[in-house]
PDB file of all heavy atoms in Angstrom:
ATOM      1  N   SER A   1      -2.745  -0.014 -16.499  1.00  0.00           N
ATOM      2  CA  SER A   1      -3.698  -0.601 -17.442  1.00  0.00           C
ATOM      3  C   SER A   1      -3.119  -1.742 -18.273  1.00  0.00           C
ATOM      4  O   SER A   1      -3.873  -2.461 -18.919  1.00  0.00           O
ATOM      5  CB  SER A   1      -4.235   0.478 -18.386  1.00  0.00           C
ATOM      6  OG  SER A   1      -3.195   0.983 -19.197  1.00  0.00           O
ATOM      7  N   LEU A   2      -1.810  -1.932 -18.264  1.00  0.00           N
ATOM      8  CA  LEU A   2      -1.205  -3.014 -19.044  1.00  0.00           C
ATOM      9  C   LEU A   2      -1.051  -4.263 -18.189  1.00  0.00           C
ATOM     10  O   LEU A   2      -0.757  -4.184 -17.004  1.00  0.00           O
ATOM     11  CB  LEU A   2       0.175  -2.586 -19.564  1.00  0.00           C
ATOM     12  CG  LEU A   2       0.173  -1.399 -20.510  1.00  0.00           C
ATOM     13  CD1 LEU A   2       1.596  -0.987 -20.828  1.00  0.00           C
ATOM     14  CD2 LEU A   2      -0.586  -1.712 -21.761  1.00  0.00           C
ATOM     15  N   GLY A   3      -1.254  -5.411 -18.779  1.00  0.00           N
ATOM     16  CA  GLY A   3      -1.050  -6.665 -18.073  1.00  0.00           C
ATOM     17  C   GLY A   3      -2.342  -7.357 -17.701  1.00  0.00           C
ATOM     18  O   GLY A   3      -3.425  -6.995 -18.165  1.00  0.00           O
ATOM     19  N   PRO A   4      -2.225  -8.376 -16.832  1.00  0.00           N
ATOM     20  CA  PRO A   4      -3.376  -9.195 -16.468  1.00  0.00           C
ATOM     21  C   PRO A   4      -4.466  -8.402 -15.750  1.00  0.00           C
ATOM     22  O   PRO A   4      -4.183  -7.472 -14.992  1.00  0.00           O
ATOM     23  CB  PRO A   4      -2.784 -10.242 -15.519  1.00  0.00           C
ATOM     24  CG  PRO A   4      -1.325 -10.224 -15.749  1.00  0.00           C
ATOM     25  CD  PRO A   4      -0.988  -8.856 -16.221  1.00  0.00           C
ATOM     26  N   ILE A   5      -5.716  -8.798 -15.996  1.00  0.00           N
ATOM     27  CA  ILE A   5      -6.868  -8.188 -15.322  1.00  0.00           C
ATOM     28  C   ILE A   5      -7.747  -9.296 -14.743  1.00  0.00           C
ATOM     29  O   ILE A   5      -7.695 -10.440 -15.177  1.00  0.00           O
ATOM     30  CB  ILE A   5      -7.688  -7.302 -16.276  1.00  0.00           C
ATOM     31  CG1 ILE A   5      -8.164  -8.103 -17.493  1.00  0.00           C
ATOM     32  CG2 ILE A   5      -6.909  -6.081 -16.709  1.00  0.00           C
ATOM     33  CD1 ILE A   5      -9.115  -7.339 -18.392  1.00  0.00           C
ATOM     34  N   ASP A   6      -8.564  -8.946 -13.751  1.00  0.00           N
ATOM     35  CA  ASP A   6      -9.485  -9.920 -13.177  1.00  0.00           C
ATOM     36  C   ASP A   6     -10.795  -9.930 -13.961  1.00  0.00           C
ATOM     37  O   ASP A   6     -10.938  -9.235 -14.962  1.00  0.00           O
ATOM     38  CB  ASP A   6      -9.717  -9.657 -11.688  1.00  0.00           C
ATOM     39  CG  ASP A   6     -10.396  -8.324 -11.403  1.00  0.00           C
ATOM     40  OD1 ASP A   6     -10.898  -7.675 -12.340  1.00  0.00           O
ATOM     41  OD2 ASP A   6     -10.433  -7.939 -10.216  1.00  0.00           O
ATOM     42  N   SER A   7     -11.770 -10.695 -13.507  1.00  0.00           N
ATOM     43  CA  SER A   7     -13.042 -10.826 -14.227  1.00  0.00           C
ATOM     44  C   SER A   7     -13.846  -9.530 -14.238  1.00  0.00           C
ATOM     45  O   SER A   7     -14.745  -9.364 -15.054  1.00  0.00           O
ATOM     46  CB  SER A   7     -13.882 -11.951 -13.615  1.00  0.00           C
ATOM     47  OG  SER A   7     -14.177 -11.646 -12.255  1.00  0.00           O
ATOM     48  N   GLN A   8     -13.522  -8.601 -13.353  1.00  0.00           N
ATOM     49  CA  GLN A   8     -14.192  -7.304 -13.290  1.00  0.00           C
ATOM     50  C   GLN A   8     -13.511  -6.250 -14.165  1.00  0.00           C
ATOM     51  O   GLN A   8     -13.974  -5.128 -14.255  1.00  0.00           O
ATOM     52  CB  GLN A   8     -14.232  -6.803 -11.840  1.00  0.00           C
ATOM     53  CG  GLN A   8     -14.837  -7.770 -10.860  1.00  0.00           C
ATOM     54  CD  GLN A   8     -16.334  -7.878 -11.050  1.00  0.00           C
ATOM     55  OE1 GLN A   8     -16.997  -6.867 -11.228  1.00  0.00           O
ATOM     56  NE2 GLN A   8     -16.846  -9.086 -11.022  1.00  0.00           N
ATOM     57  N   GLY A   9     -12.371  -6.618 -14.761  1.00  0.00           N
ATOM     58  CA  GLY A   9     -11.612  -5.679 -15.590  1.00  0.00           C
ATOM     59  C   GLY A   9     -10.611  -4.843 -14.816  1.00  0.00           C
ATOM     60  O   GLY A   9     -10.050  -3.889 -15.337  1.00  0.00           O
ATOM     61  N   ASN A  10     -10.357  -5.193 -13.557  1.00  0.00           N
ATOM     62  CA  ASN A  10      -9.401  -4.464 -12.725  1.00  0.00           C
ATOM     63  C   ASN A  10      -8.004  -5.068 -12.888  1.00  0.00           C
ATOM     64  O   ASN A  10      -7.857  -6.285 -12.951  1.00  0.00           O
ATOM     65  CB  ASN A  10      -9.805  -4.549 -11.254  1.00  0.00           C
ATOM     66  CG  ASN A  10     -11.155  -3.941 -11.001  1.00  0.00           C
ATOM     67  OD1 ASN A  10     -11.464  -2.870 -11.495  1.00  0.00           O
ATOM     68  ND2 ASN A  10     -11.980  -4.643 -10.238  1.00  0.00           N
ATOM     69  N   PRO A  11      -6.971  -4.218 -12.928  1.00  0.00           N
ATOM     70  CA  PRO A  11      -5.608  -4.749 -13.058  1.00  0.00           C
ATOM     71  C   PRO A  11      -5.204  -5.521 -11.809  1.00  0.00           C
ATOM     72  O   PRO A  11      -5.454  -5.073 -10.690  1.00  0.00           O
ATOM     73  CB  PRO A  11      -4.754  -3.502 -13.245  1.00  0.00           C
ATOM     74  CG  PRO A  11      -5.547  -2.385 -12.674  1.00  0.00           C
ATOM     75  CD  PRO A  11      -6.996  -2.759 -12.841  1.00  0.00           C
ATOM     76  N   ILE A  12      -4.589  -6.693 -12.008  1.00  0.00           N
ATOM     77  CA  ILE A  12      -4.108  -7.485 -10.871  1.00  0.00           C
ATOM     78  C   ILE A  12      -2.591  -7.564 -10.846  1.00  0.00           C
ATOM     79  O   ILE A  12      -2.013  -8.086  -9.907  1.00  0.00           O
ATOM     80  CB  ILE A  12      -4.712  -8.904 -10.873  1.00  0.00           C
ATOM     81  CG1 ILE A  12      -4.388  -9.650 -12.165  1.00  0.00           C
ATOM     82  CG2 ILE A  12      -6.200  -8.855 -10.636  1.00  0.00           C
ATOM     83  CD1 ILE A  12      -4.796 -11.109 -12.151  1.00  0.00           C
ATOM     84  N   GLY A  13      -1.944  -7.040 -11.891  1.00  0.00           N
ATOM     85  CA  GLY A  13      -0.490  -7.062 -11.948  1.00  0.00           C
ATOM     86  C   GLY A  13       0.042  -8.438 -12.271  1.00  0.00           C
ATOM     87  O   GLY A  13      -0.712  -9.379 -12.500  1.00  0.00           O
ATOM     88  N   GLY A  14       1.351  -8.534 -12.304  1.00  0.00           N
ATOM     89  CA  GLY A  14       1.998  -9.808 -12.620  1.00  0.00           C
ATOM     90  C   GLY A  14       3.370  -9.882 -12.004  1.00  0.00           C
ATOM     91  O   GLY A  14       3.843  -8.921 -11.406  1.00  0.00           O
ATOM     92  N   ASN A  15       4.019 -11.021 -12.185  1.00  0.00           N
ATOM     93  CA  ASN A  15       5.333 -11.220 -11.576  1.00  0.00           C
ATOM     94  C   ASN A  15       6.492 -11.005 -12.549  1.00  0.00           C
ATOM     95  O   ASN A  15       7.635 -11.218 -12.198  1.00  0.00           O
ATOM     96  CB  ASN A  15       5.424 -12.608 -10.942  1.00  0.00           C
ATOM     97  CG  ASN A  15       5.228 -13.729 -11.945  1.00  0.00           C
ATOM     98  OD1 ASN A  15       5.022 -13.490 -13.134  1.00  0.00           O
ATOM     99  ND2 ASN A  15       5.278 -14.947 -11.466  1.00  0.00           N
ATOM    100  N   PHE A  16       6.201 -10.577 -13.769  1.00  0.00           N
ATOM    101  CA  PHE A  16       7.251 -10.339 -14.766  1.00  0.00           C
ATOM    102  C   PHE A  16       6.923  -9.056 -15.527  1.00  0.00           C
ATOM    103  O   PHE A  16       5.845  -8.928 -16.101  1.00  0.00           O
ATOM    104  CB  PHE A  16       7.334 -11.520 -15.732  1.00  0.00           C
ATOM    105  CG  PHE A  16       8.450 -11.406 -16.728  1.00  0.00           C
ATOM    106  CD1 PHE A  16       9.764 -11.579 -16.339  1.00  0.00           C
ATOM    107  CD2 PHE A  16       8.183 -11.121 -18.045  1.00  0.00           C
ATOM    108  CE1 PHE A  16      10.803 -11.465 -17.259  1.00  0.00           C
ATOM    109  CE2 PHE A  16       9.204 -11.007 -18.972  1.00  0.00           C
ATOM    110  CZ  PHE A  16      10.522 -11.184 -18.576  1.00  0.00           C
ATOM    111  N   LEU A  17       7.835  -8.101 -15.483  1.00  0.00           N
ATOM    112  CA  LEU A  17       7.653  -6.803 -16.136  1.00  0.00           C
ATOM    113  C   LEU A  17       8.750  -6.603 -17.166  1.00  0.00           C
ATOM    114  O   LEU A  17       9.927  -6.826 -16.878  1.00  0.00           O
ATOM    115  CB  LEU A  17       7.727  -5.675 -15.108  1.00  0.00           C
ATOM    116  CG  LEU A  17       7.852  -4.243 -15.617  1.00  0.00           C
ATOM    117  CD1 LEU A  17       6.585  -3.818 -16.346  1.00  0.00           C
ATOM    118  CD2 LEU A  17       8.157  -3.294 -14.473  1.00  0.00           C
ATOM    119  N   VAL A  18       8.366  -6.192 -18.367  1.00  0.00           N
ATOM    120  CA  VAL A  18       9.334  -5.817 -19.386  1.00  0.00           C
ATOM    121  C   VAL A  18       8.886  -4.476 -19.975  1.00  0.00           C
ATOM    122  O   VAL A  18       7.713  -4.302 -20.306  1.00  0.00           O
ATOM    123  CB  VAL A  18       9.488  -6.899 -20.484  1.00  0.00           C
ATOM    124  CG1 VAL A  18       8.191  -7.163 -21.200  1.00  0.00           C
ATOM    125  CG2 VAL A  18      10.561  -6.519 -21.475  1.00  0.00           C
ATOM    126  N   TYR A  19       9.798  -3.517 -19.987  1.00  0.00           N
ATOM    127  CA  TYR A  19       9.475  -2.225 -20.584  1.00  0.00           C
ATOM    128  C   TYR A  19      10.760  -1.518 -21.002  1.00  0.00           C
ATOM    129  O   TYR A  19      11.849  -1.829 -20.519  1.00  0.00           O
ATOM    130  CB  TYR A  19       8.647  -1.352 -19.640  1.00  0.00           C
ATOM    131  CG  TYR A  19       9.431  -0.681 -18.527  1.00  0.00           C
ATOM    132  CD1 TYR A  19       9.829   0.639 -18.637  1.00  0.00           C
ATOM    133  CD2 TYR A  19       9.757  -1.364 -17.376  1.00  0.00           C
ATOM    134  CE1 TYR A  19      10.528   1.257 -17.626  1.00  0.00           C
ATOM    135  CE2 TYR A  19      10.452  -0.767 -16.359  1.00  0.00           C
ATOM    136  CZ  TYR A  19      10.833   0.548 -16.485  1.00  0.00           C
ATOM    137  OH  TYR A  19      11.536   1.154 -15.479  1.00  0.00           O
ATOM    138  N   GLY A  20      10.603  -0.593 -21.912  1.00  0.00           N
ATOM    139  CA  GLY A  20      11.739   0.186 -22.377  1.00  0.00           C
ATOM    140  C   GLY A  20      11.281   1.554 -22.842  1.00  0.00           C
ATOM    141  O   GLY A  20      10.151   1.723 -23.299  1.00  0.00           O
ATOM    142  N   ASN A  21      12.149   2.519 -22.678  1.00  0.00           N
ATOM    143  CA  ASN A  21      11.878   3.890 -23.083  1.00  0.00           C
ATOM    144  C   ASN A  21      13.075   4.414 -23.853  1.00  0.00           C
ATOM    145  O   ASN A  21      14.216   4.109 -23.513  1.00  0.00           O
ATOM    146  CB  ASN A  21      11.671   4.794 -21.866  1.00  0.00           C
ATOM    147  CG  ASN A  21      10.684   4.255 -20.886  1.00  0.00           C
ATOM    148  OD1 ASN A  21      11.053   3.441 -20.057  1.00  0.00           O
ATOM    149  ND2 ASN A  21       9.466   4.688 -20.951  1.00  0.00           N
ATOM    150  N   MET A  22      12.804   5.189 -24.884  1.00  0.00           N
ATOM    151  CA  MET A  22      13.871   5.836 -25.633  1.00  0.00           C
ATOM    152  C   MET A  22      13.378   7.221 -26.021  1.00  0.00           C
ATOM    153  O   MET A  22      12.246   7.384 -26.482  1.00  0.00           O
ATOM    154  CB  MET A  22      14.214   5.038 -26.888  1.00  0.00           C
ATOM    155  CG  MET A  22      15.360   5.644 -27.676  1.00  0.00           C
ATOM    156  SD  MET A  22      15.861   4.639 -29.094  1.00  0.00           S
ATOM    157  CE  MET A  22      14.440   4.800 -30.151  1.00  0.00           C
ATOM    158  N   GLY A  23      14.209   8.224 -25.813  1.00  0.00           N
ATOM    159  CA  GLY A  23      13.835   9.588 -26.164  1.00  0.00           C
ATOM    160  C   GLY A  23      15.020  10.345 -26.719  1.00  0.00           C
ATOM    161  O   GLY A  23      16.166  10.097 -26.350  1.00  0.00           O
ATOM    162  N   VAL A  24      14.723  11.254 -27.623  1.00  0.00           N
ATOM    163  CA  VAL A  24      15.745  12.106 -28.224  1.00  0.00           C
ATOM    164  C   VAL A  24      15.294  13.552 -28.067  1.00  0.00           C
ATOM    165  O   VAL A  24      14.182  13.919 -28.465  1.00  0.00           O
ATOM    166  CB  VAL A  24      15.927  11.784 -29.729  1.00  0.00           C
ATOM    167  CG1 VAL A  24      16.935  12.717 -30.353  1.00  0.00           C
ATOM    168  CG2 VAL A  24      16.331  10.346 -29.918  1.00  0.00           C
ATOM    169  N   VAL A  25      16.149  14.376 -27.450  1.00  0.00           N
ATOM    170  CA  VAL A  25      15.851  15.799 -27.299  1.00  0.00           C
ATOM    171  C   VAL A  25      16.356  16.509 -28.537  1.00  0.00           C
ATOM    172  O   VAL A  25      17.543  16.426 -28.880  1.00  0.00           O
ATOM    173  CB  VAL A  25      16.510  16.379 -26.029  1.00  0.00           C
ATOM    174  CG1 VAL A  25      16.215  17.858 -25.912  1.00  0.00           C
ATOM    175  CG2 VAL A  25      16.033  15.633 -24.792  1.00  0.00           C
ATOM    176  N   LEU A  26      15.455  17.200 -29.214  1.00  0.00           N
ATOM    177  CA  LEU A  26      15.784  17.891 -30.457  1.00  0.00           C
ATOM    178  C   LEU A  26      16.098  19.359 -30.179  1.00  0.00           C
ATOM    179  O   LEU A  26      15.520  19.957 -29.275  1.00  0.00           O
ATOM    180  CB  LEU A  26      14.612  17.783 -31.430  1.00  0.00           C
ATOM    181  CG  LEU A  26      14.158  16.353 -31.740  1.00  0.00           C
ATOM    182  CD1 LEU A  26      12.866  16.375 -32.526  1.00  0.00           C
ATOM    183  CD2 LEU A  26      15.239  15.609 -32.490  1.00  0.00           C
ATOM    184  N   PRO A  27      16.998  19.946 -30.958  1.00  0.00           N
ATOM    185  CA  PRO A  27      17.305  21.363 -30.758  1.00  0.00           C
ATOM    186  C   PRO A  27      16.107  22.231 -31.158  1.00  0.00           C
ATOM    187  O   PRO A  27      15.350  21.900 -32.068  1.00  0.00           O
ATOM    188  CB  PRO A  27      18.492  21.621 -31.685  1.00  0.00           C
ATOM    189  CG  PRO A  27      18.442  20.532 -32.690  1.00  0.00           C
ATOM    190  CD  PRO A  27      17.790  19.358 -32.035  1.00  0.00           C
ATOM    191  N   SER A  28      15.940  23.319 -30.427  1.00  0.00           N
ATOM    192  CA  SER A  28      14.843  24.240 -30.715  1.00  0.00           C
ATOM    193  C   SER A  28      15.379  25.445 -31.475  1.00  0.00           C
ATOM    194  O   SER A  28      16.343  26.077 -31.058  1.00  0.00           O
ATOM    195  CB  SER A  28      14.190  24.706 -29.418  1.00  0.00           C
ATOM    196  OG  SER A  28      13.186  25.643 -29.702  1.00  0.00           O
TER     197      SER A  28
END
């Protein structure tokens, strides 16, 4: 769902992707 879409609202993707994830596991 992220990035460029066509005139119908469908994702068309792109040639450049940037993303990052960070997570911390907490003690239970």
